[in-house]
Amino acid sequence: MKQLFYPGGSVVTGSQLADAVMLYAEALCNRRQVDVIDIPVAGEGGRLLRAQFLIGTASQLVSVTIPHLVPELVEPETLDFLNRKAQSGAMIPASWTREDVVPAQFDDFDY
């Protein structure tokens, strides 16, 4: 099992799932893209929950191996999905990752 830390908290998930999240986050960072992923996590008393993460360019994730408090969390479909997305690069770029987008100027906003 691994604990994934992010700004503001952490979740516990399976070791292979945590590794796949980290690899996909790295791939997205290299592509200057972001994505929302959905993974299984262990809740109170080992109850199975779902967590969604926005990962990519500014991801601040840390993965730490922890003792098995509950059976290893395994979800082959999600693991395969994350690994394929990390390798393929087949993702529609988010609009703010395109090179030709001009950043907004502060005077464009009402204060």
PDB file of N, CA and C in Angstrom:
ATOM      1  N   MET A   1       0.851  -1.174   0.000  1.00  0.00           N
ATOM      2  CA  MET A   1       0.000   0.000   0.000  1.00  0.00           C
ATOM      3  C   MET A   1       0.894   1.234   0.000  1.00  0.00           C
ATOM      4  N   LYS A   2       0.343   2.309  -0.557  1.00  0.00           N
ATOM      5  CA  LYS A   2       1.064   3.579  -0.556  1.00  0.00           C
ATOM      6  C   LYS A   2       0.112   4.697  -0.180  1.00  0.00           C
ATOM      7  N   GLN A   3       0.670   5.698   0.439  1.00  0.00           N
ATOM      8  CA  GLN A   3      -0.076   6.891   0.790  1.00  0.00           C
ATOM      9  C   GLN A   3       0.352   7.986  -0.170  1.00  0.00           C
ATOM     10  N   LEU A   4      -0.621   8.563  -0.874  1.00  0.00           N
ATOM     11  CA  LEU A   4      -0.369   9.671  -1.796  1.00  0.00           C
ATOM     12  C   LEU A   4      -0.660  10.976  -1.068  1.00  0.00           C
ATOM     13  N   PHE A   5       0.354  11.794  -0.939  1.00  0.00           N
ATOM     14  CA  PHE A   5       0.199  13.096  -0.307  1.00  0.00           C
ATOM     15  C   PHE A   5       0.054  14.145  -1.397  1.00  0.00           C
ATOM     16  N   TYR A   6      -0.832  15.093  -1.180  1.00  0.00           N
ATOM     17  CA  TYR A   6      -1.056  16.214  -2.078  1.00  0.00           C
ATOM     18  C   TYR A   6      -1.255  17.433  -1.205  1.00  0.00           C
ATOM     19  N   PRO A   7      -1.163  18.636  -1.752  1.00  0.00           N
ATOM     20  CA  PRO A   7      -1.376  19.815  -0.911  1.00  0.00           C
ATOM     21  C   PRO A   7      -2.744  19.738  -0.234  1.00  0.00           C
ATOM     22  N   GLY A   8      -2.738  19.686   1.072  1.00  0.00           N
ATOM     23  CA  GLY A   8      -3.986  19.680   1.817  1.00  0.00           C
ATOM     24  C   GLY A   8      -4.415  18.339   2.351  1.00  0.00           C
ATOM     25  N   GLY A   9      -3.695  17.253   2.069  1.00  0.00           N
ATOM     26  CA  GLY A   9      -4.122  15.970   2.598  1.00  0.00           C
ATOM     27  C   GLY A   9      -3.410  14.793   1.990  1.00  0.00           C
ATOM     28  N   SER A  10      -4.013  13.619   2.188  1.00  0.00           N
ATOM     29  CA  SER A  10      -3.447  12.395   1.642  1.00  0.00           C
ATOM     30  C   SER A  10      -4.529  11.335   1.537  1.00  0.00           C
ATOM     31  N   VAL A  11      -4.258  10.310   0.724  1.00  0.00           N
ATOM     32  CA  VAL A  11      -5.134   9.153   0.582  1.00  0.00           C
ATOM     33  C   VAL A  11      -4.252   7.910   0.539  1.00  0.00           C
ATOM     34  N   VAL A  12      -4.853   6.767   0.871  1.00  0.00           N
ATOM     35  CA  VAL A  12      -4.158   5.488   0.805  1.00  0.00           C
ATOM     36  C   VAL A  12      -4.748   4.693  -0.346  1.00  0.00           C
ATOM     37  N   THR A  13      -3.857   4.152  -1.187  1.00  0.00           N
ATOM     38  CA  THR A  13      -4.285   3.337  -2.318  1.00  0.00           C
ATOM     39  C   THR A  13      -3.286   2.209  -2.524  1.00  0.00           C
ATOM     40  N   GLY A  14      -3.546   1.367  -3.490  1.00  0.00           N
ATOM     41  CA  GLY A  14      -2.635   0.268  -3.792  1.00  0.00           C
ATOM     42  C   GLY A  14      -1.311   0.766  -4.336  1.00  0.00           C
ATOM     43  N   SER A  15      -0.262  -0.008  -4.099  1.00  0.00           N
ATOM     44  CA  SER A  15       1.085   0.386  -4.529  1.00  0.00           C
ATOM     45  C   SER A  15       1.177   0.586  -6.035  1.00  0.00           C
ATOM     46  N   GLN A  16       0.641  -0.359  -6.805  1.00  0.00           N
ATOM     47  CA  GLN A  16       0.707  -0.230  -8.264  1.00  0.00           C
ATOM     48  C   GLN A  16      -0.122   0.955  -8.748  1.00  0.00           C
ATOM     49  N   LEU A  17      -1.262   1.197  -8.123  1.00  0.00           N
ATOM     50  CA  LEU A  17      -2.091   2.348  -8.507  1.00  0.00           C
ATOM     51  C   LEU A  17      -1.360   3.652  -8.217  1.00  0.00           C
ATOM     52  N   ALA A  18      -0.739   3.760  -7.053  1.00  0.00           N
ATOM     53  CA  ALA A  18       0.008   4.971  -6.700  1.00  0.00           C
ATOM     54  C   ALA A  18       1.152   5.200  -7.681  1.00  0.00           C
ATOM     55  N   ASP A  19       1.855   4.128  -8.027  1.00  0.00           N
ATOM     56  CA  ASP A  19       2.957   4.246  -8.994  1.00  0.00           C
ATOM     57  C   ASP A  19       2.442   4.719 -10.353  1.00  0.00           C
ATOM     58  N   ALA A  20       1.287   4.192 -10.780  1.00  0.00           N
ATOM     59  CA  ALA A  20       0.706   4.591 -12.070  1.00  0.00           C
ATOM     60  C   ALA A  20       0.283   6.056 -12.047  1.00  0.00           C
ATOM     61  N   VAL A  21      -0.264   6.520 -10.919  1.00  0.00           N
ATOM     62  CA  VAL A  21      -0.639   7.932 -10.791  1.00  0.00           C
ATOM     63  C   VAL A  21       0.600   8.808 -10.934  1.00  0.00           C
ATOM     64  N   MET A  22       1.677   8.438 -10.269  1.00  0.00           N
ATOM     65  CA  MET A  22       2.912   9.226 -10.335  1.00  0.00           C
ATOM     66  C   MET A  22       3.476   9.261 -11.757  1.00  0.00           C
ATOM     67  N   LEU A  23       3.480   8.122 -12.429  1.00  0.00           N
ATOM     68  CA  LEU A  23       3.996   8.068 -13.801  1.00  0.00           C
ATOM     69  C   LEU A  23       3.138   8.895 -14.754  1.00  0.00           C
ATOM     70  N   TYR A  24       1.818   8.822 -14.594  1.00  0.00           N
ATOM     71  CA  TYR A  24       0.931   9.599 -15.458  1.00  0.00           C
ATOM     72  C   TYR A  24       1.074  11.090 -15.173  1.00  0.00           C
ATOM     73  N   ALA A  25       1.211  11.459 -13.907  1.00  0.00           N
ATOM     74  CA  ALA A  25       1.414  12.873 -13.559  1.00  0.00           C
ATOM     75  C   ALA A  25       2.702  13.399 -14.195  1.00  0.00           C
ATOM     76  N   GLU A  26       3.749  12.583 -14.170  1.00  0.00           N
ATOM     77  CA  GLU A  26       5.011  12.983 -14.797  1.00  0.00           C
ATOM     78  C   GLU A  26       4.844  13.137 -16.305  1.00  0.00           C
ATOM     79  N   ALA A  27       4.150  12.202 -16.945  1.00  0.00           N
ATOM     80  CA  ALA A  27       3.931  12.276 -18.391  1.00  0.00           C
ATOM     81  C   ALA A  27       3.142  13.536 -18.747  1.00  0.00           C
ATOM     82  N   LEU A  28       2.116  13.839 -17.964  1.00  0.00           N
ATOM     83  CA  LEU A  28       1.325  15.044 -18.226  1.00  0.00           C
ATOM     84  C   LEU A  28       2.165  16.299 -18.049  1.00  0.00           C
ATOM     85  N   CYS A  29       2.997  16.312 -17.037  1.00  0.00           N
ATOM     86  CA  CYS A  29       3.872  17.470 -16.805  1.00  0.00           C
ATOM     87  C   CYS A  29       4.794  17.688 -18.001  1.00  0.00           C
ATOM     88  N   ASN A  30       5.359  16.602 -18.520  1.00  0.00           N
ATOM     89  CA  ASN A  30       6.245  16.699 -19.682  1.00  0.00           C
ATOM     90  C   ASN A  30       5.505  17.187 -20.922  1.00  0.00           C
ATOM     91  N   ARG A  31       4.212  16.910 -20.999  1.00  0.00           N
ATOM     92  CA  ARG A  31       3.403  17.338 -22.146  1.00  0.00           C
ATOM     93  C   ARG A  31       2.754  18.712 -21.924  1.00  0.00           C
ATOM     94  N   ARG A  32       2.951  19.258 -20.729  1.00  0.00           N
ATOM     95  CA  ARG A  32       2.308  20.523 -20.343  1.00  0.00           C
ATOM     96  C   ARG A  32       0.784  20.403 -20.441  1.00  0.00           C
ATOM     97  N   GLN A  33       0.255  19.328 -19.856  1.00  0.00           N
ATOM     98  CA  GLN A  33      -1.175  19.072 -19.862  1.00  0.00           C
ATOM     99  C   GLN A  33      -1.634  18.716 -18.455  1.00  0.00           C
ATOM    100  N   VAL A  34      -2.938  18.715 -18.278  1.00  0.00           N
ATOM    101  CA  VAL A  34      -3.546  18.287 -17.022  1.00  0.00           C
ATOM    102  C   VAL A  34      -4.668  17.309 -17.330  1.00  0.00           C
ATOM    103  N   ASP A  35      -5.059  16.550 -16.326  1.00  0.00           N
ATOM    104  CA  ASP A  35      -6.167  15.619 -16.467  1.00  0.00           C
ATOM    105  C   ASP A  35      -6.731  15.349 -15.077  1.00  0.00           C
ATOM    106  N   VAL A  36      -7.961  14.923 -15.035  1.00  0.00           N
ATOM    107  CA  VAL A  36      -8.589  14.484 -13.792  1.00  0.00           C
ATOM    108  C   VAL A  36      -8.645  12.965 -13.841  1.00  0.00           C
ATOM    109  N   ILE A  37      -8.146  12.340 -12.787  1.00  0.00           N
ATOM    110  CA  ILE A  37      -8.181  10.885 -12.702  1.00  0.00           C
ATOM    111  C   ILE A  37      -9.067  10.477 -11.542  1.00  0.00           C
ATOM    112  N   ASP A  38      -9.540   9.248 -11.591  1.00  0.00           N
ATOM    113  CA  ASP A  38     -10.401   8.693 -10.556  1.00  0.00           C
ATOM    114  C   ASP A  38      -9.805   7.356 -10.138  1.00  0.00           C
ATOM    115  N   ILE A  39      -9.450   7.235  -8.839  1.00  0.00           N
ATOM    116  CA  ILE A  39      -8.832   6.000  -8.365  1.00  0.00           C
ATOM    117  C   ILE A  39      -9.524   5.510  -7.095  1.00  0.00           C
ATOM    118  N   PRO A  40      -9.432   4.203  -6.825  1.00  0.00           N
ATOM    119  CA  PRO A  40      -9.954   3.683  -5.572  1.00  0.00           C
ATOM    120  C   PRO A  40      -8.987   4.007  -4.430  1.00  0.00           C
ATOM    121  N   VAL A  41      -9.542   4.341  -3.272  1.00  0.00           N
ATOM    122  CA  VAL A  41      -8.740   4.624  -2.088  1.00  0.00           C
ATOM    123  C   VAL A  41      -9.372   3.935  -0.887  1.00  0.00           C
ATOM    124  N   ALA A  42      -8.558   3.709   0.138  1.00  0.00           N
ATOM    125  CA  ALA A  42      -9.041   3.091   1.365  1.00  0.00           C
ATOM    126  C   ALA A  42      -9.495   4.191   2.324  1.00  0.00           C
ATOM    127  N   GLY A  43     -10.729   4.069   2.785  1.00  0.00           N
ATOM    128  CA  GLY A  43     -11.262   5.017   3.751  1.00  0.00           C
ATOM    129  C   GLY A  43     -11.154   4.466   5.160  1.00  0.00           C
ATOM    130  N   GLU A  44     -11.908   5.054   6.082  1.00  0.00           N
ATOM    131  CA  GLU A  44     -11.934   4.605   7.467  1.00  0.00           C
ATOM    132  C   GLU A  44     -12.272   3.122   7.542  1.00  0.00           C
ATOM    133  N   GLY A  45     -11.512   2.376   8.320  1.00  0.00           N
ATOM    134  CA  GLY A  45     -11.771   0.956   8.495  1.00  0.00           C
ATOM    135  C   GLY A  45     -11.569   0.125   7.244  1.00  0.00           C
ATOM    136  N   GLY A  46     -10.831   0.662   6.266  1.00  0.00           N
ATOM    137  CA  GLY A  46     -10.572  -0.081   5.041  1.00  0.00           C
ATOM    138  C   GLY A  46     -11.709  -0.036   4.037  1.00  0.00           C
ATOM    139  N   ARG A  47     -12.703   0.807   4.284  1.00  0.00           N
ATOM    140  CA  ARG A  47     -13.840   0.937   3.366  1.00  0.00           C
ATOM    141  C   ARG A  47     -13.360   1.482   2.025  1.00  0.00           C
ATOM    142  N   LEU A  48     -13.844   0.901   0.927  1.00  0.00           N
ATOM    143  CA  LEU A  48     -13.450   1.312  -0.416  1.00  0.00           C
ATOM    144  C   LEU A  48     -14.175   2.597  -0.807  1.00  0.00           C
ATOM    145  N   LEU A  49     -13.389   3.622  -1.164  1.00  0.00           N
ATOM    146  CA  LEU A  49     -13.911   4.915  -1.611  1.00  0.00           C
ATOM    147  C   LEU A  49     -13.278   5.260  -2.949  1.00  0.00           C
ATOM    148  N   ARG A  50     -13.720   6.336  -3.561  1.00  0.00           N
ATOM    149  CA  ARG A  50     -13.138   6.841  -4.806  1.00  0.00           C
ATOM    150  C   ARG A  50     -12.600   8.243  -4.534  1.00  0.00           C
ATOM    151  N   ALA A  51     -11.493   8.572  -5.197  1.00  0.00           N
ATOM    152  CA  ALA A  51     -10.925   9.913  -5.094  1.00  0.00           C
ATOM    153  C   ALA A  51     -10.593  10.405  -6.492  1.00  0.00           C
ATOM    154  N   GLN A  52     -10.837  11.684  -6.718  1.00  0.00           N
ATOM    155  CA  GLN A  52     -10.500  12.301  -7.989  1.00  0.00           C
ATOM    156  C   GLN A  52      -9.373  13.305  -7.740  1.00  0.00           C
ATOM    157  N   PHE A  53      -8.416  13.305  -8.642  1.00  0.00           N
ATOM    158  CA  PHE A  53      -7.271  14.207  -8.557  1.00  0.00           C
ATOM    159  C   PHE A  53      -7.122  14.968  -9.861  1.00  0.00           C
ATOM    160  N   LEU A  54      -6.781  16.237  -9.756  1.00  0.00           N
ATOM    161  CA  LEU A  54      -6.344  17.016 -10.906  1.00  0.00           C
ATOM    162  C   LEU A  54      -4.826  16.898 -10.902  1.00  0.00           C
ATOM    163  N   ILE A  55      -4.288  16.257 -11.929  1.00  0.00           N
ATOM    164  CA  ILE A  55      -2.835  16.059 -11.984  1.00  0.00           C
ATOM    165  C   ILE A  55      -2.291  16.648 -13.275  1.00  0.00           C
ATOM    166  N   GLY A  56      -1.003  16.913 -13.279  1.00  0.00           N
ATOM    167  CA  GLY A  56      -0.364  17.397 -14.484  1.00  0.00           C
ATOM    168  C   GLY A  56       0.718  18.395 -14.193  1.00  0.00           C
ATOM    169  N   THR A  57       0.685  19.493 -14.922  1.00  0.00           N
ATOM    170  CA  THR A  57       1.760  20.471 -14.922  1.00  0.00           C
ATOM    171  C   THR A  57       2.192  20.920 -13.534  1.00  0.00           C
ATOM    172  N   ALA A  58       1.257  21.192 -12.654  1.00  0.00           N
ATOM    173  CA  ALA A  58       1.612  21.702 -11.333  1.00  0.00           C
ATOM    174  C   ALA A  58       1.369  20.671 -10.227  1.00  0.00           C
ATOM    175  N   SER A  59       1.352  19.399 -10.581  1.00  0.00           N
ATOM    176  CA  SER A  59       1.112  18.360  -9.580  1.00  0.00           C
ATOM    177  C   SER A  59       2.184  18.394  -8.499  1.00  0.00           C
ATOM    178  N   GLN A  60       1.727  18.318  -7.275  1.00  0.00           N
ATOM    179  CA  GLN A  60       2.639  18.222  -6.144  1.00  0.00           C
ATOM    180  C   GLN A  60       2.247  16.981  -5.363  1.00  0.00           C
ATOM    181  N   LEU A  61       2.693  15.846  -5.840  1.00  0.00           N
ATOM    182  CA  LEU A  61       2.354  14.564  -5.236  1.00  0.00           C
ATOM    183  C   LEU A  61       3.590  13.918  -4.628  1.00  0.00           C
ATOM    184  N   VAL A  62       3.382  13.230  -3.524  1.00  0.00           N
ATOM    185  CA  VAL A  62       4.428  12.434  -2.901  1.00  0.00           C
ATOM    186  C   VAL A  62       3.812  11.084  -2.595  1.00  0.00           C
ATOM    187  N   SER A  63       4.501  10.013  -2.947  1.00  0.00           N
ATOM    188  CA  SER A  63       4.024   8.657  -2.712  1.00  0.00           C
ATOM    189  C   SER A  63       4.948   7.977  -1.700  1.00  0.00           C
ATOM    190  N   VAL A  64       4.347   7.455  -0.617  1.00  0.00           N
ATOM    191  CA  VAL A  64       5.130   6.833   0.453  1.00  0.00           C
ATOM    192  C   VAL A  64       4.583   5.437   0.729  1.00  0.00           C
ATOM    193  N   THR A  65       5.467   4.445   0.750  1.00  0.00           N
ATOM    194  CA  THR A  65       5.065   3.085   1.090  1.00  0.00           C
ATOM    195  C   THR A  65       4.704   3.024   2.571  1.00  0.00           C
ATOM    196  N   ILE A  66       3.572   2.370   2.863  1.00  0.00           N
ATOM    197  CA  ILE A  66       3.118   2.244   4.245  1.00  0.00           C
ATOM    198  C   ILE A  66       2.839   0.773   4.546  1.00  0.00           C
ATOM    199  N   PRO A  67       2.762   0.419   5.831  1.00  0.00           N
ATOM    200  CA  PRO A  67       2.417  -0.969   6.175  1.00  0.00           C
ATOM    201  C   PRO A  67       1.008  -1.302   5.686  1.00  0.00           C
ATOM    202  N   HIS A  68       0.794  -2.563   5.372  1.00  0.00           N
ATOM    203  CA  HIS A  68      -0.526  -3.010   4.924  1.00  0.00           C
ATOM    204  C   HIS A  68      -1.490  -3.008   6.102  1.00  0.00           C
ATOM    205  N   LEU A  69      -2.323  -1.987   6.202  1.00  0.00           N
ATOM    206  CA  LEU A  69      -3.328  -1.928   7.250  1.00  0.00           C
ATOM    207  C   LEU A  69      -4.589  -2.651   6.811  1.00  0.00           C
ATOM    208  N   VAL A  70      -4.768  -2.719   5.520  1.00  0.00           N
ATOM    209  CA  VAL A  70      -5.907  -3.401   4.897  1.00  0.00           C
ATOM    210  C   VAL A  70      -5.344  -4.192   3.721  1.00  0.00           C
ATOM    211  N   PRO A  71      -6.120  -5.107   3.153  1.00  0.00           N
ATOM    212  CA  PRO A  71      -5.615  -5.828   1.972  1.00  0.00           C
ATOM    213  C   PRO A  71      -5.221  -4.858   0.859  1.00  0.00           C
ATOM    214  N   GLU A  72      -4.188  -5.237   0.102  1.00  0.00           N
ATOM    215  CA  GLU A  72      -3.704  -4.401  -1.009  1.00  0.00           C
ATOM    216  C   GLU A  72      -4.854  -4.028  -1.934  1.00  0.00           C
ATOM    217  N   LEU A  73      -4.962  -2.775  -2.252  1.00  0.00           N
ATOM    218  CA  LEU A  73      -6.018  -2.264  -3.118  1.00  0.00           C
ATOM    219  C   LEU A  73      -5.596  -2.459  -4.565  1.00  0.00           C
ATOM    220  N   VAL A  74      -6.368  -3.232  -5.312  1.00  0.00           N
ATOM    221  CA  VAL A  74      -6.043  -3.544  -6.700  1.00  0.00           C
ATOM    222  C   VAL A  74      -7.283  -3.287  -7.544  1.00  0.00           C
ATOM    223  N   GLU A  75      -7.090  -2.590  -8.652  1.00  0.00           N
ATOM    224  CA  GLU A  75      -8.164  -2.366  -9.617  1.00  0.00           C
ATOM    225  C   GLU A  75      -7.526  -2.400 -10.999  1.00  0.00           C
ATOM    226  N   PRO A  76      -7.447  -3.585 -11.608  1.00  0.00           N
ATOM    227  CA  PRO A  76      -6.718  -3.753 -12.877  1.00  0.00           C
ATOM    228  C   PRO A  76      -7.168  -2.809 -13.991  1.00  0.00           C
ATOM    229  N   GLU A  77      -8.467  -2.525 -14.084  1.00  0.00           N
ATOM    230  CA  GLU A  77      -8.955  -1.643 -15.161  1.00  0.00           C
ATOM    231  C   GLU A  77      -8.380  -0.239 -15.019  1.00  0.00           C
ATOM    232  N   THR A  78      -8.380   0.283 -13.794  1.00  0.00           N
ATOM    233  CA  THR A  78      -7.852   1.633 -13.567  1.00  0.00           C
ATOM    234  C   THR A  78      -6.348   1.656 -13.779  1.00  0.00           C
ATOM    235  N   LEU A  79      -5.661   0.635 -13.310  1.00  0.00           N
ATOM    236  CA  LEU A  79      -4.218   0.545 -13.488  1.00  0.00           C
ATOM    237  C   LEU A  79      -3.861   0.524 -14.972  1.00  0.00           C
ATOM    238  N   ASP A  80      -4.549  -0.297 -15.744  1.00  0.00           N
ATOM    239  CA  ASP A  80      -4.313  -0.384 -17.187  1.00  0.00           C
ATOM    240  C   ASP A  80      -4.623   0.949 -17.871  1.00  0.00           C
ATOM    241  N   PHE A  81      -5.722   1.579 -17.481  1.00  0.00           N
ATOM    242  CA  PHE A  81      -6.127   2.863 -18.056  1.00  0.00           C
ATOM    243  C   PHE A  81      -5.055   3.932 -17.819  1.00  0.00           C
ATOM    244  N   LEU A  82      -4.562   4.043 -16.581  1.00  0.00           N
ATOM    245  CA  LEU A  82      -3.544   5.048 -16.258  1.00  0.00           C
ATOM    246  C   LEU A  82      -2.242   4.770 -17.004  1.00  0.00           C
ATOM    247  N   ASN A  83      -1.846   3.510 -17.057  1.00  0.00           N
ATOM    248  CA  ASN A  83      -0.603   3.166 -17.767  1.00  0.00           C
ATOM    249  C   ASN A  83      -0.696   3.458 -19.262  1.00  0.00           C
ATOM    250  N   ARG A  84      -1.855   3.168 -19.864  1.00  0.00           N
ATOM    251  CA  ARG A  84      -2.025   3.459 -21.293  1.00  0.00           C
ATOM    252  C   ARG A  84      -1.991   4.956 -21.548  1.00  0.00           C
ATOM    253  N   LYS A  85      -2.653   5.735 -20.688  1.00  0.00           N
ATOM    254  CA  LYS A  85      -2.664   7.191 -20.874  1.00  0.00           C
ATOM    255  C   LYS A  85      -1.282   7.786 -20.680  1.00  0.00           C
ATOM    256  N   ALA A  86      -0.499   7.242 -19.770  1.00  0.00           N
ATOM    257  CA  ALA A  86       0.858   7.746 -19.541  1.00  0.00           C
ATOM    258  C   ALA A  86       1.748   7.485 -20.749  1.00  0.00           C
ATOM    259  N   GLN A  87       1.540   6.364 -21.425  1.00  0.00           N
ATOM    260  CA  GLN A  87       2.391   5.990 -22.554  1.00  0.00           C
ATOM    261  C   GLN A  87       1.930   6.576 -23.876  1.00  0.00           C
ATOM    262  N   SER A  88       0.628   6.678 -24.062  1.00  0.00           N
ATOM    263  CA  SER A  88       0.114   7.013 -25.386  1.00  0.00           C
ATOM    264  C   SER A  88       0.203   8.492 -25.727  1.00  0.00           C
ATOM    265  N   GLY A  89      -0.002   9.321 -24.761  1.00  0.00           N
ATOM    266  CA  GLY A  89      -0.076  10.748 -25.063  1.00  0.00           C
ATOM    267  C   GLY A  89      -1.368  11.117 -25.739  1.00  0.00           C
ATOM    268  N   ALA A  90      -2.274  10.173 -25.866  1.00  0.00           N
ATOM    269  CA  ALA A  90      -3.556  10.419 -26.539  1.00  0.00           C
ATOM    270  C   ALA A  90      -4.503  11.123 -25.595  1.00  0.00           C
ATOM    271  N   MET A  91      -4.379  12.424 -25.564  1.00  0.00           N
ATOM    272  CA  MET A  91      -5.238  13.229 -24.705  1.00  0.00           C
ATOM    273  C   MET A  91      -5.523  14.541 -25.393  1.00  0.00           C
ATOM    274  N   ILE A  92      -6.741  15.005 -25.288  1.00  0.00           N
ATOM    275  CA  ILE A  92      -7.077  16.309 -25.847  1.00  0.00           C
ATOM    276  C   ILE A  92      -6.461  17.362 -24.944  1.00  0.00           C
ATOM    277  N   PRO A  93      -5.625  18.226 -25.486  1.00  0.00           N
ATOM    278  CA  PRO A  93      -4.987  19.231 -24.639  1.00  0.00           C
ATOM    279  C   PRO A  93      -6.016  20.170 -24.019  1.00  0.00           C
ATOM    280  N   ALA A  94      -5.777  20.497 -22.782  1.00  0.00           N
ATOM    281  CA  ALA A  94      -6.617  21.507 -22.136  1.00  0.00           C
ATOM    282  C   ALA A  94      -6.357  22.837 -22.817  1.00  0.00           C
ATOM    283  N   SER A  95      -7.362  23.704 -22.855  1.00  0.00           N
ATOM    284  CA  SER A  95      -7.233  24.956 -23.603  1.00  0.00           C
ATOM    285  C   SER A  95      -6.100  25.827 -23.075  1.00  0.00           C
ATOM    286  N   TRP A  96      -5.796  25.763 -21.793  1.00  0.00           N
ATOM    287  CA  TRP A  96      -4.764  26.623 -21.241  1.00  0.00           C
ATOM    288  C   TRP A  96      -3.357  26.049 -21.411  1.00  0.00           C
ATOM    289  N   THR A  97      -3.213  24.889 -22.063  1.00  0.00           N
ATOM    290  CA  THR A  97      -1.879  24.336 -22.279  1.00  0.00           C
ATOM    291  C   THR A  97      -1.353  24.625 -23.676  1.00  0.00           C
ATOM    292  N   ARG A  98      -2.169  25.214 -24.511  1.00  0.00           N
ATOM    293  CA  ARG A  98      -1.718  25.497 -25.871  1.00  0.00           C
ATOM    294  C   ARG A  98      -0.720  26.653 -25.873  1.00  0.00           C
ATOM    295  N   GLU A  99       0.242  26.543 -26.731  1.00  0.00           N
ATOM    296  CA  GLU A  99       1.304  27.544 -26.805  1.00  0.00           C
ATOM    297  C   GLU A  99       0.792  28.908 -27.246  1.00  0.00           C
ATOM    298  N   ASP A 100      -0.257  28.931 -28.089  1.00  0.00           N
ATOM    299  CA  ASP A 100      -0.698  30.199 -28.665  1.00  0.00           C
ATOM    300  C   ASP A 100      -1.674  30.985 -27.786  1.00  0.00           C
ATOM    301  N   VAL A 101      -1.991  30.498 -26.602  1.00  0.00           N
ATOM    302  CA  VAL A 101      -2.922  31.206 -25.731  1.00  0.00           C
ATOM    303  C   VAL A 101      -2.201  32.383 -25.079  1.00  0.00           C
ATOM    304  N   VAL A 102      -2.815  33.547 -25.153  1.00  0.00           N
ATOM    305  CA  VAL A 102      -2.249  34.736 -24.537  1.00  0.00           C
ATOM    306  C   VAL A 102      -2.786  34.838 -23.111  1.00  0.00           C
ATOM    307  N   PRO A 103      -1.909  34.925 -22.112  1.00  0.00           N
ATOM    308  CA  PRO A 103      -2.385  35.009 -20.742  1.00  0.00           C
ATOM    309  C   PRO A 103      -3.158  36.306 -20.513  1.00  0.00           C
ATOM    310  N   ALA A 104      -4.147  36.221 -19.628  1.00  0.00           N
ATOM    311  CA  ALA A 104      -4.946  37.396 -19.299  1.00  0.00           C
ATOM    312  C   ALA A 104      -4.085  38.412 -18.568  1.00  0.00           C
ATOM    313  N   GLN A 105      -4.380  39.674 -18.807  1.00  0.00           N
ATOM    314  CA  GLN A 105      -3.702  40.752 -18.110  1.00  0.00           C
ATOM    315  C   GLN A 105      -4.535  41.163 -16.900  1.00  0.00           C
ATOM    316  N   PHE A 106      -3.877  41.635 -15.847  1.00  0.00           N
ATOM    317  CA  PHE A 106      -4.609  41.984 -14.635  1.00  0.00           C
ATOM    318  C   PHE A 106      -5.659  43.058 -14.883  1.00  0.00           C
ATOM    319  N   ASP A 107      -5.421  43.951 -15.838  1.00  0.00           N
ATOM    320  CA  ASP A 107      -6.385  45.009 -16.100  1.00  0.00           C
ATOM    321  C   ASP A 107      -7.619  44.475 -16.863  1.00  0.00           C
ATOM    322  N   ASP A 108      -7.625  43.181 -17.230  1.00  0.00           N
ATOM    323  CA  ASP A 108      -8.795  42.580 -17.878  1.00  0.00           C
ATOM    324  C   ASP A 108      -9.876  42.226 -16.884  1.00  0.00           C
ATOM    325  N   PHE A 109      -9.585  42.289 -15.583  1.00  0.00           N
ATOM    326  CA  PHE A 109     -10.528  41.864 -14.555  1.00  0.00           C
ATOM    327  C   PHE A 109     -11.072  43.060 -13.787  1.00  0.00           C
ATOM    328  N   ASP A 110     -12.337  42.933 -13.347  1.00  0.00           N
ATOM    329  CA  ASP A 110     -12.932  43.944 -12.473  1.00  0.00           C
ATOM    330  C   ASP A 110     -12.544  43.615 -11.029  1.00  0.00           C
ATOM    331  N   TYR A 111     -12.158  44.644 -10.294  1.00  0.00           N
ATOM    332  CA  TYR A 111     -11.769  44.417  -8.892  1.00  0.00           C
ATOM    333  C   TYR A 111     -12.811  44.966  -7.969  1.00  0.00           C
TER     334      TYR A 111
END
